[in-house]
PDB file of all heavy atoms in Angstrom:
ATOM      1  N   ALA A   1      14.400   5.956  -6.740  1.00  0.00           N
ATOM      2  CA  ALA A   1      14.104   7.008  -7.615  1.00  0.00           C
ATOM      3  C   ALA A   1      14.687   8.288  -6.928  1.00  0.00           C
ATOM      4  O   ALA A   1      14.735   8.461  -5.744  1.00  0.00           O
ATOM      5  CB  ALA A   1      12.615   7.478  -7.842  1.00  0.00           C
ATOM      6  N   SER A   2      15.344   9.121  -7.662  1.00  0.00           N
ATOM      7  CA  SER A   2      15.948  10.382  -7.328  1.00  0.00           C
ATOM      8  C   SER A   2      15.839  11.473  -8.357  1.00  0.00           C
ATOM      9  O   SER A   2      15.436  11.175  -9.476  1.00  0.00           O
ATOM     10  CB  SER A   2      17.460  10.164  -7.001  1.00  0.00           C
ATOM     11  OG  SER A   2      18.141   9.715  -8.123  1.00  0.00           O
ATOM     12  N   GLY A   3      16.168  12.609  -7.923  1.00  0.00           N
ATOM     13  CA  GLY A   3      16.031  13.830  -8.876  1.00  0.00           C
ATOM     14  C   GLY A   3      14.650  14.459  -8.713  1.00  0.00           C
ATOM     15  O   GLY A   3      14.229  14.621  -7.593  1.00  0.00           O
ATOM     16  N   ARG A   4      14.133  14.915  -9.801  1.00  0.00           N
ATOM     17  CA  ARG A   4      12.753  15.689  -9.798  1.00  0.00           C
ATOM     18  C   ARG A   4      11.625  14.705  -9.758  1.00  0.00           C
ATOM     19  O   ARG A   4      10.772  14.721 -10.606  1.00  0.00           O
ATOM     20  CB  ARG A   4      12.533  16.552 -10.879  1.00  0.00           C
ATOM     21  CG  ARG A   4      13.737  17.803 -10.880  1.00  0.00           C
ATOM     22  CD  ARG A   4      13.505  18.862 -11.965  1.00  0.00           C
ATOM     23  NE  ARG A   4      14.475  19.853 -11.956  1.00  0.00           N
ATOM     24  CZ  ARG A   4      14.405  20.894 -12.780  1.00  0.00           C
ATOM     25  NH1 ARG A   4      13.490  21.015 -13.663  1.00  0.00           N
ATOM     26  NH2 ARG A   4      15.355  21.865 -12.594  1.00  0.00           N
ATOM     27  N   THR A   5      11.586  13.954  -8.626  1.00  0.00           N
ATOM     28  CA  THR A   5      10.515  12.911  -8.476  1.00  0.00           C
ATOM     29  C   THR A   5       9.082  13.571  -8.350  1.00  0.00           C
ATOM     30  O   THR A   5       8.076  12.888  -8.553  1.00  0.00           O
ATOM     31  CB  THR A   5      10.723  12.044  -7.323  1.00  0.00           C
ATOM     32  OG1 THR A   5      10.863  12.798  -6.104  1.00  0.00           O
ATOM     33  CG2 THR A   5      12.059  11.241  -7.658  1.00  0.00           C
ATOM     34  N   ALA A   6       9.048  14.959  -7.977  1.00  0.00           N
ATOM     35  CA  ALA A   6       7.822  15.414  -7.839  1.00  0.00           C
ATOM     36  C   ALA A   6       6.925  15.574  -9.146  1.00  0.00           C
ATOM     37  O   ALA A   6       5.739  15.781  -9.187  1.00  0.00           O
ATOM     38  CB  ALA A   6       7.884  16.831  -7.262  1.00  0.00           C
ATOM     39  N   SER A   7       7.620  15.442 -10.237  1.00  0.00           N
ATOM     40  CA  SER A   7       7.045  15.491 -11.576  1.00  0.00           C
ATOM     41  C   SER A   7       6.384  14.262 -12.007  1.00  0.00           C
ATOM     42  O   SER A   7       5.750  14.186 -12.961  1.00  0.00           O
ATOM     43  CB  SER A   7       8.073  15.928 -12.715  1.00  0.00           C
ATOM     44  OG  SER A   7       9.092  14.860 -12.735  1.00  0.00           O
ATOM     45  N   THR A   8       6.480  13.192 -11.125  1.00  0.00           N
ATOM     46  CA  THR A   8       5.939  11.888 -11.429  1.00  0.00           C
ATOM     47  C   THR A   8       4.964  11.420 -10.335  1.00  0.00           C
ATOM     48  O   THR A   8       5.375  11.522  -9.194  1.00  0.00           O
ATOM     49  CB  THR A   8       6.975  10.822 -11.717  1.00  0.00           C
ATOM     50  OG1 THR A   8       7.624  10.587 -10.438  1.00  0.00           O
ATOM     51  CG2 THR A   8       7.982  11.354 -12.724  1.00  0.00           C
ATOM     52  N   ALA A   9       3.779  11.040 -10.664  1.00  0.00           N
ATOM     53  CA  ALA A   9       2.758  10.596  -9.828  1.00  0.00           C
ATOM     54  C   ALA A   9       2.690   9.018  -9.838  1.00  0.00           C
ATOM     55  O   ALA A   9       2.124   8.364  -8.843  1.00  0.00           O
ATOM     56  CB  ALA A   9       1.448  11.174 -10.182  1.00  0.00           C
ATOM     57  N   ILE A  10       3.142   8.400 -10.895  1.00  0.00           N
ATOM     58  CA  ILE A  10       3.091   6.946 -11.131  1.00  0.00           C
ATOM     59  C   ILE A  10       4.371   6.358 -11.190  1.00  0.00           C
ATOM     60  O   ILE A  10       5.270   6.903 -11.814  1.00  0.00           O
ATOM     61  CB  ILE A  10       2.126   6.687 -12.427  1.00  0.00           C
ATOM     62  CG1 ILE A  10       0.864   7.401 -12.316  1.00  0.00           C
ATOM     63  CG2 ILE A  10       2.117   5.181 -12.455  1.00  0.00           C
ATOM     64  CD1 ILE A  10      -0.020   7.014 -11.309  1.00  0.00           C
ATOM     65  N   MET A  11       4.528   5.183 -10.572  1.00  0.00           N
ATOM     66  CA  MET A  11       5.667   4.273 -10.857  1.00  0.00           C
ATOM     67  C   MET A  11       5.139   2.909 -11.353  1.00  0.00           C
ATOM     68  O   MET A  11       4.105   2.495 -10.973  1.00  0.00           O
ATOM     69  CB  MET A  11       6.415   4.006  -9.470  1.00  0.00           C
ATOM     70  CG  MET A  11       7.124   5.370  -8.852  1.00  0.00           C
ATOM     71  SD  MET A  11       8.403   6.029  -9.846  1.00  0.00           S
ATOM     72  CE  MET A  11       9.588   4.825  -9.627  1.00  0.00           C
ATOM     73  N   GLY A  12       6.090   2.313 -12.171  1.00  0.00           N
ATOM     74  CA  GLY A  12       5.703   1.079 -12.631  1.00  0.00           C
ATOM     75  C   GLY A  12       6.902   0.171 -13.007  1.00  0.00           C
ATOM     76  O   GLY A  12       7.994   0.443 -12.892  1.00  0.00           O
ATOM     77  N   TRP A  13       6.471  -1.027 -13.479  1.00  0.00           N
ATOM     78  CA  TRP A  13       7.385  -1.945 -13.904  1.00  0.00           C
ATOM     79  C   TRP A  13       6.951  -2.519 -15.336  1.00  0.00           C
ATOM     80  O   TRP A  13       5.795  -2.902 -15.583  1.00  0.00           O
ATOM     81  CB  TRP A  13       7.583  -3.141 -13.001  1.00  0.00           C
ATOM     82  CG  TRP A  13       8.205  -2.938 -11.711  1.00  0.00           C
ATOM     83  CD1 TRP A  13       7.661  -2.481 -10.508  1.00  0.00           C
ATOM     84  CD2 TRP A  13       9.596  -2.865 -11.375  1.00  0.00           C
ATOM     85  NE1 TRP A  13       8.473  -2.181  -9.576  1.00  0.00           N
ATOM     86  CE2 TRP A  13       9.751  -2.396 -10.106  1.00  0.00           C
ATOM     87  CE3 TRP A  13      10.724  -3.192 -12.145  1.00  0.00           C
ATOM     88  CZ2 TRP A  13      10.938  -2.466  -9.452  1.00  0.00           C
ATOM     89  CZ3 TRP A  13      11.929  -3.097 -11.463  1.00  0.00           C
ATOM     90  CH2 TRP A  13      12.045  -2.670 -10.223  1.00  0.00           C
ATOM     91  N   PHE A  14       7.948  -2.632 -16.253  1.00  0.00           N
ATOM     92  CA  PHE A  14       7.695  -3.272 -17.562  1.00  0.00           C
ATOM     93  C   PHE A  14       8.812  -4.364 -17.585  1.00  0.00           C
ATOM     94  O   PHE A  14       9.652  -4.451 -16.979  1.00  0.00           O
ATOM     95  CB  PHE A  14       7.767  -2.226 -18.649  1.00  0.00           C
ATOM     96  CG  PHE A  14       6.581  -1.462 -19.016  1.00  0.00           C
ATOM     97  CD1 PHE A  14       6.350  -0.448 -17.995  1.00  0.00           C
ATOM     98  CD2 PHE A  14       5.908  -1.673 -20.148  1.00  0.00           C
ATOM     99  CE1 PHE A  14       5.167   0.377 -18.381  1.00  0.00           C
ATOM    100  CE2 PHE A  14       4.747  -0.756 -20.430  1.00  0.00           C
ATOM    101  CZ  PHE A  14       4.474   0.096 -19.514  1.00  0.00           C
ATOM    102  N   ARG A  15       8.527  -5.276 -18.456  1.00  0.00           N
ATOM    103  CA  ARG A  15       9.537  -6.367 -18.839  1.00  0.00           C
ATOM    104  C   ARG A  15       9.708  -6.561 -20.222  1.00  0.00           C
ATOM    105  O   ARG A  15       8.787  -6.344 -20.975  1.00  0.00           O
ATOM    106  CB  ARG A  15       9.306  -7.667 -18.047  1.00  0.00           C
ATOM    107  CG  ARG A  15       7.951  -8.389 -18.508  1.00  0.00           C
ATOM    108  CD  ARG A  15       7.656  -9.579 -17.611  1.00  0.00           C
ATOM    109  NE  ARG A  15       6.575 -10.195 -18.035  1.00  0.00           N
ATOM    110  CZ  ARG A  15       5.986 -11.208 -17.323  1.00  0.00           C
ATOM    111  NH1 ARG A  15       6.614 -11.540 -16.168  1.00  0.00           N
ATOM    112  NH2 ARG A  15       4.924 -11.957 -17.776  1.00  0.00           N
ATOM    113  N   GLN A  16      10.836  -7.082 -20.662  1.00  0.00           N
ATOM    114  CA  GLN A  16      11.017  -7.475 -22.082  1.00  0.00           C
ATOM    115  C   GLN A  16      11.815  -8.745 -22.169  1.00  0.00           C
ATOM    116  O   GLN A  16      12.897  -8.800 -21.742  1.00  0.00           O
ATOM    117  CB  GLN A  16      11.780  -6.277 -22.830  1.00  0.00           C
ATOM    118  CG  GLN A  16      11.826  -6.558 -24.338  1.00  0.00           C
ATOM    119  CD  GLN A  16      12.400  -5.298 -25.054  1.00  0.00           C
ATOM    120  OE1 GLN A  16      13.005  -4.447 -24.517  1.00  0.00           O
ATOM    121  NE2 GLN A  16      12.068  -5.177 -26.305  1.00  0.00           N
ATOM    122  N   ALA A  17      11.174  -9.694 -22.732  1.00  0.00           N
ATOM    123  CA  ALA A  17      11.800 -11.007 -22.917  1.00  0.00           C
ATOM    124  C   ALA A  17      12.531 -11.061 -24.292  1.00  0.00           C
ATOM    125  O   ALA A  17      12.184 -10.208 -25.208  1.00  0.00           O
ATOM    126  CB  ALA A  17      10.714 -12.187 -22.906  1.00  0.00           C
ATOM    127  N   PRO A  18      13.503 -11.895 -24.405  1.00  0.00           N
ATOM    128  CA  PRO A  18      14.237 -12.092 -25.674  1.00  0.00           C
ATOM    129  C   PRO A  18      13.295 -12.205 -26.907  1.00  0.00           C
ATOM    130  O   PRO A  18      12.401 -13.012 -26.828  1.00  0.00           O
ATOM    131  CB  PRO A  18      15.050 -13.266 -25.523  1.00  0.00           C
ATOM    132  CG  PRO A  18      15.352 -13.261 -24.080  1.00  0.00           C
ATOM    133  CD  PRO A  18      14.032 -12.881 -23.537  1.00  0.00           C
ATOM    134  N   GLY A  19      13.397 -11.313 -27.923  1.00  0.00           N
ATOM    135  CA  GLY A  19      12.628 -11.476 -29.077  1.00  0.00           C
ATOM    136  C   GLY A  19      11.227 -10.839 -28.912  1.00  0.00           C
ATOM    137  O   GLY A  19      10.353 -11.155 -29.874  1.00  0.00           O
ATOM    138  N   LYS A  20      10.857 -10.384 -27.776  1.00  0.00           N
ATOM    139  CA  LYS A  20       9.438  -9.959 -27.552  1.00  0.00           C
ATOM    140  C   LYS A  20       9.398  -8.410 -27.375  1.00  0.00           C
ATOM    141  O   LYS A  20      10.505  -7.665 -27.128  1.00  0.00           O
ATOM    142  CB  LYS A  20       8.885 -10.614 -26.277  1.00  0.00           C
ATOM    143  CG  LYS A  20       9.076 -12.154 -26.302  1.00  0.00           C
ATOM    144  CD  LYS A  20       8.067 -12.735 -27.395  1.00  0.00           C
ATOM    145  CE  LYS A  20       8.134 -14.316 -27.341  1.00  0.00           C
ATOM    146  NZ  LYS A  20       7.200 -14.775 -28.338  1.00  0.00           N
ATOM    147  N   GLU A  21       8.253  -7.899 -27.487  1.00  0.00           N
ATOM    148  CA  GLU A  21       8.044  -6.480 -27.229  1.00  0.00           C
ATOM    149  C   GLU A  21       7.989  -6.234 -25.754  1.00  0.00           C
ATOM    150  O   GLU A  21       7.616  -7.102 -24.908  1.00  0.00           O
ATOM    151  CB  GLU A  21       6.750  -5.972 -27.796  1.00  0.00           C
ATOM    152  CG  GLU A  21       6.671  -6.111 -29.348  1.00  0.00           C
ATOM    153  CD  GLU A  21       7.759  -5.301 -30.077  1.00  0.00           C
ATOM    154  OE1 GLU A  21       8.000  -4.056 -29.676  1.00  0.00           O
ATOM    155  OE2 GLU A  21       8.210  -5.741 -31.036  1.00  0.00           O
ATOM    156  N   ARG A  22       8.358  -5.064 -25.342  1.00  0.00           N
ATOM    157  CA  ARG A  22       8.256  -4.678 -23.928  1.00  0.00           C
ATOM    158  C   ARG A  22       6.844  -4.640 -23.526  1.00  0.00           C
ATOM    159  O   ARG A  22       6.005  -4.119 -24.175  1.00  0.00           O
ATOM    160  CB  ARG A  22       8.862  -3.280 -23.738  1.00  0.00           C
ATOM    161  CG  ARG A  22       9.086  -2.936 -22.186  1.00  0.00           C
ATOM    162  CD  ARG A  22       9.734  -1.617 -22.042  1.00  0.00           C
ATOM    163  NE  ARG A  22      11.180  -1.722 -22.576  1.00  0.00           N
ATOM    164  CZ  ARG A  22      12.119  -0.727 -22.299  1.00  0.00           C
ATOM    165  NH1 ARG A  22      11.784   0.392 -21.594  1.00  0.00           N
ATOM    166  NH2 ARG A  22      13.309  -0.951 -22.821  1.00  0.00           N
ATOM    167  N   GLU A  23       6.533  -5.265 -22.347  1.00  0.00           N
ATOM    168  CA  GLU A  23       5.153  -5.359 -21.896  1.00  0.00           C
ATOM    169  C   GLU A  23       5.027  -4.853 -20.525  1.00  0.00           C
ATOM    170  O   GLU A  23       5.894  -4.938 -19.622  1.00  0.00           O
ATOM    171  CB  GLU A  23       4.672  -6.803 -22.049  1.00  0.00           C
ATOM    172  CG  GLU A  23       5.418  -7.687 -21.103  1.00  0.00           C
ATOM    173  CD  GLU A  23       4.787  -9.199 -20.956  1.00  0.00           C
ATOM    174  OE1 GLU A  23       3.593  -9.299 -21.418  1.00  0.00           O
ATOM    175  OE2 GLU A  23       5.373 -10.036 -20.466  1.00  0.00           O
ATOM    176  N   PHE A  24       3.752  -4.282 -20.166  1.00  0.00           N
ATOM    177  CA  PHE A  24       3.460  -3.793 -19.004  1.00  0.00           C
ATOM    178  C   PHE A  24       3.349  -4.801 -17.873  1.00  0.00           C
ATOM    179  O   PHE A  24       2.661  -5.965 -18.182  1.00  0.00           O
ATOM    180  CB  PHE A  24       2.086  -3.123 -19.027  1.00  0.00           C
ATOM    181  CG  PHE A  24       1.663  -2.547 -17.757  1.00  0.00           C
ATOM    182  CD1 PHE A  24       1.931  -1.505 -17.086  1.00  0.00           C
ATOM    183  CD2 PHE A  24       0.448  -3.324 -17.101  1.00  0.00           C
ATOM    184  CE1 PHE A  24       1.300  -1.084 -15.740  1.00  0.00           C
ATOM    185  CE2 PHE A  24      -0.134  -2.975 -15.931  1.00  0.00           C
ATOM    186  CZ  PHE A  24       0.411  -1.878 -15.299  1.00  0.00           C
ATOM    187  N   VAL A  25       3.954  -4.682 -16.674  1.00  0.00           N
ATOM    188  CA  VAL A  25       3.669  -5.615 -15.622  1.00  0.00           C
ATOM    189  C   VAL A  25       2.790  -4.950 -14.448  1.00  0.00           C
ATOM    190  O   VAL A  25       1.869  -5.695 -14.103  1.00  0.00           O
ATOM    191  CB  VAL A  25       5.067  -5.922 -15.040  1.00  0.00           C
ATOM    192  CG1 VAL A  25       4.987  -6.967 -13.864  1.00  0.00           C
ATOM    193  CG2 VAL A  25       5.903  -6.624 -16.111  1.00  0.00           C
ATOM    194  N   ALA A  26       3.129  -3.847 -13.985  1.00  0.00           N
ATOM    195  CA  ALA A  26       2.422  -3.351 -12.866  1.00  0.00           C
ATOM    196  C   ALA A  26       2.725  -1.888 -12.748  1.00  0.00           C
ATOM    197  O   ALA A  26       3.745  -1.387 -13.158  1.00  0.00           O
ATOM    198  CB  ALA A  26       2.670  -4.098 -11.544  1.00  0.00           C
ATOM    199  N   SER A  27       1.732  -1.111 -12.135  1.00  0.00           N
ATOM    200  CA  SER A  27       1.953   0.264 -11.841  1.00  0.00           C
ATOM    201  C   SER A  27       1.275   0.501 -10.446  1.00  0.00           C
ATOM    202  O   SER A  27       0.418  -0.117  -9.991  1.00  0.00           O
ATOM    203  CB  SER A  27       1.493   1.182 -12.917  1.00  0.00           C
ATOM    204  OG  SER A  27       0.041   1.210 -12.982  1.00  0.00           O
ATOM    205  N   ILE A  28       1.793   1.837  -9.838  1.00  0.00           N
ATOM    206  CA  ILE A  28       1.235   2.198  -8.550  1.00  0.00           C
ATOM    207  C   ILE A  28       1.185   3.782  -8.423  1.00  0.00           C
ATOM    208  O   ILE A  28       2.233   4.305  -9.034  1.00  0.00           O
ATOM    209  CB  ILE A  28       2.006   1.490  -7.431  1.00  0.00           C
ATOM    210  CG1 ILE A  28       1.398   1.845  -6.038  1.00  0.00           C
ATOM    211  CG2 ILE A  28       3.477   1.961  -7.376  1.00  0.00           C
ATOM    212  CD1 ILE A  28       1.835   0.995  -4.984  1.00  0.00           C
ATOM    213  N   SER A  29       0.336   4.307  -7.767  1.00  0.00           N
ATOM    214  CA  SER A  29       0.243   5.721  -7.511  1.00  0.00           C
ATOM    215  C   SER A  29       1.109   5.989  -6.329  1.00  0.00           C
ATOM    216  O   SER A  29       0.801   5.434  -5.238  1.00  0.00           O
ATOM    217  CB  SER A  29      -1.146   6.250  -7.396  1.00  0.00           C
ATOM    218  OG  SER A  29      -1.245   7.590  -6.923  1.00  0.00           O
ATOM    219  N   TRP A  30       1.925   7.005  -6.386  1.00  0.00           N
ATOM    220  CA  TRP A  30       2.669   7.440  -5.117  1.00  0.00           C
ATOM    221  C   TRP A  30       1.703   7.909  -4.056  1.00  0.00           C
ATOM    222  O   TRP A  30       1.915   7.615  -2.855  1.00  0.00           O
ATOM    223  CB  TRP A  30       3.576   8.651  -5.453  1.00  0.00           C
ATOM    224  CG  TRP A  30       4.952   8.359  -6.088  1.00  0.00           C
ATOM    225  CD1 TRP A  30       5.263   8.712  -7.212  1.00  0.00           C
ATOM    226  CD2 TRP A  30       6.066   7.585  -5.579  1.00  0.00           C
ATOM    227  NE1 TRP A  30       6.636   8.278  -7.554  1.00  0.00           N
ATOM    228  CE2 TRP A  30       6.978   7.567  -6.476  1.00  0.00           C
ATOM    229  CE3 TRP A  30       6.185   6.956  -4.289  1.00  0.00           C
ATOM    230  CZ2 TRP A  30       8.184   6.984  -6.207  1.00  0.00           C
ATOM    231  CZ3 TRP A  30       7.450   6.262  -4.074  1.00  0.00           C
ATOM    232  CH2 TRP A  30       8.389   6.408  -5.000  1.00  0.00           C
ATOM    233  N   PHE A  31       0.628   8.578  -4.479  1.00  0.00           N
ATOM    234  CA  PHE A  31      -0.232   9.126  -3.424  1.00  0.00           C
ATOM    235  C   PHE A  31      -1.419   8.379  -2.982  1.00  0.00           C
ATOM    236  O   PHE A  31      -1.733   8.567  -1.741  1.00  0.00           O
ATOM    237  CB  PHE A  31      -0.697  10.546  -4.036  1.00  0.00           C
ATOM    238  CG  PHE A  31       0.458  11.426  -4.578  1.00  0.00           C
ATOM    239  CD1 PHE A  31       0.784  11.497  -5.996  1.00  0.00           C
ATOM    240  CD2 PHE A  31       1.254  12.071  -3.757  1.00  0.00           C
ATOM    241  CE1 PHE A  31       1.878  12.288  -6.290  1.00  0.00           C
ATOM    242  CE2 PHE A  31       2.279  12.865  -4.096  1.00  0.00           C
ATOM    243  CZ  PHE A  31       2.593  12.912  -5.416  1.00  0.00           C
ATOM    244  N   THR A  32      -1.970   7.619  -3.738  1.00  0.00           N
ATOM    245  CA  THR A  32      -3.140   6.803  -3.343  1.00  0.00           C
ATOM    246  C   THR A  32      -2.783   5.383  -3.243  1.00  0.00           C
ATOM    247  O   THR A  32      -3.617   4.643  -2.468  1.00  0.00           O
ATOM    248  CB  THR A  32      -4.311   6.928  -4.433  1.00  0.00           C
ATOM    249  OG1 THR A  32      -3.826   6.300  -5.603  1.00  0.00           O
ATOM    250  CG2 THR A  32      -4.598   8.361  -4.763  1.00  0.00           C
ATOM    251  N   GLY A  33      -1.724   4.945  -3.726  1.00  0.00           N
ATOM    252  CA  GLY A  33      -1.438   3.449  -3.546  1.00  0.00           C
ATOM    253  C   GLY A  33      -2.197   2.633  -4.530  1.00  0.00           C
ATOM    254  O   GLY A  33      -2.162   1.366  -4.563  1.00  0.00           O
ATOM    255  N   SER A  34      -3.036   3.265  -5.476  1.00  0.00           N
ATOM    256  CA  SER A  34      -3.834   2.402  -6.378  1.00  0.00           C
ATOM    257  C   SER A  34      -2.943   1.738  -7.252  1.00  0.00           C
ATOM    258  O   SER A  34      -1.964   2.304  -7.736  1.00  0.00           O
ATOM    259  CB  SER A  34      -4.777   3.303  -7.222  1.00  0.00           C
ATOM    260  OG  SER A  34      -5.414   2.702  -8.017  1.00  0.00           O
ATOM    261  N   THR A  35      -3.233   0.417  -7.544  1.00  0.00           N
ATOM    262  CA  THR A  35      -2.324  -0.456  -8.280  1.00  0.00           C
ATOM    263  C   THR A  35      -3.108  -0.941  -9.590  1.00  0.00           C
ATOM    264  O   THR A  35      -4.220  -1.063  -9.701  1.00  0.00           O
ATOM    265  CB  THR A  35      -1.818  -1.554  -7.476  1.00  0.00           C
ATOM    266  OG1 THR A  35      -3.000  -2.403  -7.015  1.00  0.00           O
ATOM    267  CG2 THR A  35      -1.029  -1.244  -6.399  1.00  0.00           C
ATOM    268  N   SER A  36      -2.279  -1.434 -10.532  1.00  0.00           N
ATOM    269  CA  SER A  36      -2.700  -2.021 -11.721  1.00  0.00           C
ATOM    270  C   SER A  36      -1.667  -3.069 -12.174  1.00  0.00           C
ATOM    271  O   SER A  36      -0.559  -2.931 -11.970  1.00  0.00           O
ATOM    272  CB  SER A  36      -2.797  -1.017 -12.975  1.00  0.00           C
ATOM    273  OG  SER A  36      -3.311  -1.646 -14.078  1.00  0.00           O
ATOM    274  N   TYR A  37      -2.237  -4.200 -12.509  1.00  0.00           N
ATOM    275  CA  TYR A  37      -1.432  -5.395 -12.893  1.00  0.00           C
ATOM    276  C   TYR A  37      -1.809  -5.876 -14.217  1.00  0.00           C
ATOM    277  O   TYR A  37      -3.055  -5.954 -14.572  1.00  0.00           O
ATOM    278  CB  TYR A  37      -1.538  -6.581 -11.947  1.00  0.00           C
ATOM    279  CG  TYR A  37      -1.107  -6.213 -10.535  1.00  0.00           C
ATOM    280  CD1 TYR A  37      -2.017  -5.710  -9.515  1.00  0.00           C
ATOM    281  CD2 TYR A  37       0.200  -6.395 -10.137  1.00  0.00           C
ATOM    282  CE1 TYR A  37      -1.471  -5.465  -8.304  1.00  0.00           C
ATOM    283  CE2 TYR A  37       0.638  -6.012  -8.917  1.00  0.00           C
ATOM    284  CZ  TYR A  37      -0.201  -5.567  -8.018  1.00  0.00           C
ATOM    285  OH  TYR A  37       0.412  -5.268  -6.609  1.00  0.00           O
ATOM    286  N   ALA A  38      -0.802  -6.500 -14.900  1.00  0.00           N
ATOM    287  CA  ALA A  38      -1.011  -7.348 -16.095  1.00  0.00           C
ATOM    288  C   ALA A  38      -1.756  -8.686 -15.578  1.00  0.00           C
ATOM    289  O   ALA A  38      -1.506  -9.141 -14.569  1.00  0.00           O
ATOM    290  CB  ALA A  38       0.200  -7.690 -16.827  1.00  0.00           C
ATOM    291  N   ASP A  39      -2.579  -9.004 -16.468  1.00  0.00           N
ATOM    292  CA  ASP A  39      -3.290 -10.291 -16.203  1.00  0.00           C
ATOM    293  C   ASP A  39      -2.344 -11.497 -16.003  1.00  0.00           C
ATOM    294  O   ASP A  39      -2.589 -12.460 -15.163  1.00  0.00           O
ATOM    295  CB  ASP A  39      -4.332 -10.668 -17.316  1.00  0.00           C
ATOM    296  CG  ASP A  39      -5.520  -9.802 -17.462  1.00  0.00           C
ATOM    297  OD1 ASP A  39      -5.836  -9.135 -16.337  1.00  0.00           O
ATOM    298  OD2 ASP A  39      -6.179  -9.915 -18.450  1.00  0.00           O
ATOM    299  N   SER A  40      -1.295 -11.612 -16.661  1.00  0.00           N
ATOM    300  CA  SER A  40      -0.270 -12.583 -16.615  1.00  0.00           C
ATOM    301  C   SER A  40       0.394 -12.644 -15.265  1.00  0.00           C
ATOM    302  O   SER A  40       0.964 -13.708 -14.840  1.00  0.00           O
ATOM    303  CB  SER A  40       0.800 -12.369 -17.612  1.00  0.00           C
ATOM    304  OG  SER A  40       1.462 -11.241 -17.539  1.00  0.00           O
TER     305      SER A  40
END
């Protein structure tokens, strides 16, 4: 990440398979390290 990164507190990953909607995979807080994951 570069630029005005101070404006963002959360980073994450999504994915999109062919013919499917984009889905959440995982996220993390820059400051606390707290994470969230898709069940899959």
